[in-house]
N, C-alpha and C. Protein backbone atom coordinates (compact mmCIF):
# COMPACT_ATOMS: atom_id res chain seq x y z
N MET A 1 -73.38 -62.95 27.20
CA MET A 1 -73.81 -63.41 25.95
C MET A 1 -73.08 -61.95 25.16
N ALA A 2 -72.42 -61.75 24.36
CA ALA A 2 -71.46 -60.25 23.49
C ALA A 2 -72.77 -59.89 23.20
N ARG A 3 -72.49 -58.58 23.22
CA ARG A 3 -73.22 -57.76 22.36
C ARG A 3 -72.70 -57.43 20.89
N ARG A 4 -73.51 -56.62 20.04
CA ARG A 4 -72.47 -56.97 18.52
C ARG A 4 -72.16 -55.05 18.54
N VAL A 5 -71.89 -54.40 17.84
CA VAL A 5 -71.32 -53.93 17.53
C VAL A 5 -72.82 -53.51 16.26
N PRO A 6 -72.56 -51.78 16.72
CA PRO A 6 -73.77 -52.19 16.27
C PRO A 6 -73.23 -51.12 14.47
N GLU A 7 -74.11 -51.35 13.78
CA GLU A 7 -73.66 -51.39 11.82
C GLU A 7 -73.46 -49.48 11.76
N GLY A 8 -72.42 -49.16 10.48
CA GLY A 8 -71.41 -48.32 11.20
C GLY A 8 -71.38 -47.39 11.77
N HIS A 9 -70.68 -48.78 13.21
CA HIS A 9 -69.58 -48.08 13.98
C HIS A 9 -68.38 -48.95 14.65
N ARG A 10 -67.48 -49.17 14.57
CA ARG A 10 -66.47 -49.51 14.94
C ARG A 10 -65.64 -49.32 16.31
N PHE A 11 -65.02 -49.72 17.30
CA PHE A 11 -64.01 -50.07 17.81
C PHE A 11 -62.47 -49.08 17.32
N LEU A 12 -62.17 -48.19 18.13
CA LEU A 12 -61.05 -48.01 17.74
C LEU A 12 -59.31 -48.79 18.73
N GLU A 13 -59.26 -49.20 17.62
CA GLU A 13 -57.15 -48.79 17.84
C GLU A 13 -56.26 -48.83 19.19
N PRO A 14 -56.10 -50.32 19.65
CA PRO A 14 -55.74 -49.48 21.15
C PRO A 14 -55.16 -47.96 21.28
N ALA A 15 -54.43 -48.31 20.43
CA ALA A 15 -53.09 -48.29 19.90
C ALA A 15 -53.12 -46.74 20.23
N VAL A 16 -54.34 -46.09 20.28
CA VAL A 16 -54.83 -45.21 20.06
C VAL A 16 -54.49 -44.31 22.21
N MET A 17 -54.70 -45.05 22.91
CA MET A 17 -54.08 -45.15 23.77
C MET A 17 -53.13 -44.52 24.83
N GLY A 18 -51.99 -44.91 23.08
CA GLY A 18 -50.50 -45.04 23.89
C GLY A 18 -49.68 -43.51 23.77
N PRO A 19 -49.38 -42.15 23.29
CA PRO A 19 -49.97 -40.59 23.34
C PRO A 19 -49.46 -40.20 25.09
N PRO A 20 -51.18 -41.00 25.09
CA PRO A 20 -51.42 -39.94 25.86
C PRO A 20 -51.02 -40.12 27.08
N ILE A 21 -51.35 -41.68 27.60
CA ILE A 21 -50.60 -42.25 28.70
C ILE A 21 -49.16 -42.33 28.77
N VAL A 22 -48.39 -42.21 27.66
CA VAL A 22 -47.32 -41.93 27.90
C VAL A 22 -46.23 -40.73 28.32
N TRP A 23 -47.56 -39.97 27.94
CA TRP A 23 -47.53 -38.24 28.24
C TRP A 23 -47.68 -38.07 29.50
N LEU A 24 -49.71 -38.67 29.47
CA LEU A 24 -49.58 -38.39 31.73
C LEU A 24 -48.61 -39.13 32.77
N ALA A 25 -48.41 -40.20 32.16
CA ALA A 25 -46.64 -40.83 32.65
C ALA A 25 -45.47 -39.68 32.71
N SER A 26 -45.22 -39.01 32.47
CA SER A 26 -44.05 -37.87 32.18
C SER A 26 -44.83 -37.25 33.22
N ASP A 27 -43.13 -36.00 33.40
CA ASP A 27 -42.28 -35.29 34.58
C ASP A 27 -43.86 -34.12 33.50
N GLU A 28 -43.36 -33.70 32.08
CA GLU A 28 -44.25 -32.89 31.41
C GLU A 28 -45.83 -32.17 32.38
N ALA A 29 -46.30 -34.13 32.05
CA ALA A 29 -47.74 -33.32 33.16
C ALA A 29 -48.10 -33.35 34.40
N ALA A 30 -46.93 -33.37 34.82
CA ALA A 30 -47.27 -32.47 36.32
C ALA A 30 -47.67 -31.53 37.21
N GLY A 31 -48.93 -31.90 38.03
CA GLY A 31 -49.80 -30.06 37.73
C GLY A 31 -51.10 -30.06 37.02
N VAL A 32 -51.88 -31.34 35.45
CA VAL A 32 -52.73 -31.02 34.72
C VAL A 32 -53.15 -31.97 36.26
N HIS A 33 -53.97 -32.05 36.07
CA HIS A 33 -55.83 -32.63 36.52
C HIS A 33 -57.10 -32.32 35.94
N ASP A 34 -57.43 -32.80 36.33
CA ASP A 34 -59.09 -32.35 36.20
C ASP A 34 -59.35 -31.62 35.26
N GLU A 35 -58.52 -32.28 34.33
CA GLU A 35 -58.62 -32.32 32.26
C GLU A 35 -59.52 -33.15 31.61
N ARG A 36 -60.06 -33.47 30.52
CA ARG A 36 -60.43 -34.63 29.84
C ARG A 36 -59.02 -34.49 28.12
N ILE A 37 -59.19 -35.23 28.35
CA ILE A 37 -58.16 -35.70 27.62
C ILE A 37 -58.74 -36.81 25.95
N VAL A 38 -58.91 -36.24 25.13
CA VAL A 38 -59.09 -37.07 24.07
C VAL A 38 -58.59 -38.17 24.01
N ALA A 39 -58.57 -39.25 23.45
CA ALA A 39 -56.74 -39.87 22.47
C ALA A 39 -56.76 -39.00 21.14
N VAL A 40 -58.23 -39.35 20.53
CA VAL A 40 -58.14 -39.46 19.22
C VAL A 40 -57.88 -37.76 18.71
N LYS A 41 -58.21 -37.39 20.09
CA LYS A 41 -57.92 -35.75 19.65
C LYS A 41 -57.12 -34.89 20.39
N PHE A 42 -55.62 -36.46 21.06
CA PHE A 42 -54.97 -35.25 21.76
C PHE A 42 -53.18 -35.47 21.54
N GLU A 43 -53.05 -34.69 20.57
CA GLU A 43 -51.61 -34.44 19.43
C GLU A 43 -52.12 -32.95 19.32
N ARG A 44 -53.94 -32.96 19.28
CA ARG A 44 -54.10 -30.73 19.10
C ARG A 44 -54.25 -30.50 20.88
N TRP A 45 -54.29 -31.14 21.85
CA TRP A 45 -54.94 -30.79 22.58
C TRP A 45 -53.86 -29.94 23.66
N LEU A 46 -52.85 -31.13 22.61
CA LEU A 46 -51.68 -30.55 24.16
C LEU A 46 -51.21 -30.50 23.08
N ARG A 47 -50.88 -29.43 21.61
CA ARG A 47 -50.96 -28.29 20.59
C ARG A 47 -50.37 -27.25 21.45
N GLU A 48 -52.52 -26.68 21.68
CA GLU A 48 -52.87 -26.17 21.80
C GLU A 48 -52.61 -26.05 23.09
N ARG A 49 -52.35 -26.22 24.37
CA ARG A 49 -51.70 -26.66 25.24
C ARG A 49 -50.11 -25.66 25.88
N THR A 50 -50.01 -26.33 24.56
CA THR A 50 -47.94 -25.70 25.06
C THR A 50 -47.82 -24.62 24.26
N VAL A 51 -47.71 -23.77 24.59
CA VAL A 51 -47.37 -22.64 23.91
C VAL A 51 -45.99 -21.96 22.60
N ASP A 52 -45.45 -22.75 23.00
CA ASP A 52 -44.84 -22.75 21.63
C ASP A 52 -45.17 -24.71 20.48
N GLY A 53 -45.58 -25.23 20.96
CA GLY A 53 -45.79 -26.91 21.26
C GLY A 53 -43.99 -27.89 20.97
N GLU A 54 -43.43 -27.08 21.99
CA GLU A 54 -42.60 -28.11 22.19
C GLU A 54 -42.71 -29.58 22.72
N ALA A 55 -44.07 -29.49 23.86
CA ALA A 55 -43.92 -31.08 24.27
C ALA A 55 -44.45 -31.75 22.98
N ALA A 56 -45.06 -31.18 22.22
CA ALA A 56 -46.29 -31.95 20.57
C ALA A 56 -44.69 -31.93 20.35
N ARG A 57 -43.70 -32.43 19.63
CA ARG A 57 -42.95 -31.93 19.18
C ARG A 57 -41.46 -33.82 19.64
N ARG A 58 -42.25 -33.84 21.10
CA ARG A 58 -41.05 -34.59 21.96
C ARG A 58 -42.20 -36.16 21.80
N LEU A 59 -43.75 -35.80 20.50
CA LEU A 59 -44.42 -36.60 21.07
C LEU A 59 -43.24 -38.34 20.24
N PRO A 60 -44.12 -39.33 21.02
CA PRO A 60 -43.73 -40.67 19.46
C PRO A 60 -44.10 -40.46 18.41
N SER A 61 -43.60 -40.68 18.00
CA SER A 61 -45.03 -41.33 16.62
C SER A 61 -45.62 -42.53 15.90
N ARG A 62 -46.61 -42.69 15.71
CA ARG A 62 -47.50 -43.47 15.26
C ARG A 62 -46.59 -44.82 14.13
């Protein structure tokens, strides 16, 4: 039996997972362990963890 989404709630678009997945599969993510990465907050998370934001500028645009 399918469950209904509660009123006022909605699902995120699956594409929101794209940038974090691409980054996690890159060499730039080497050494990243035990981090909680929230897809909708990924760009900010990445910007804050880089010194000059260089990795964030190379993110594919949505």
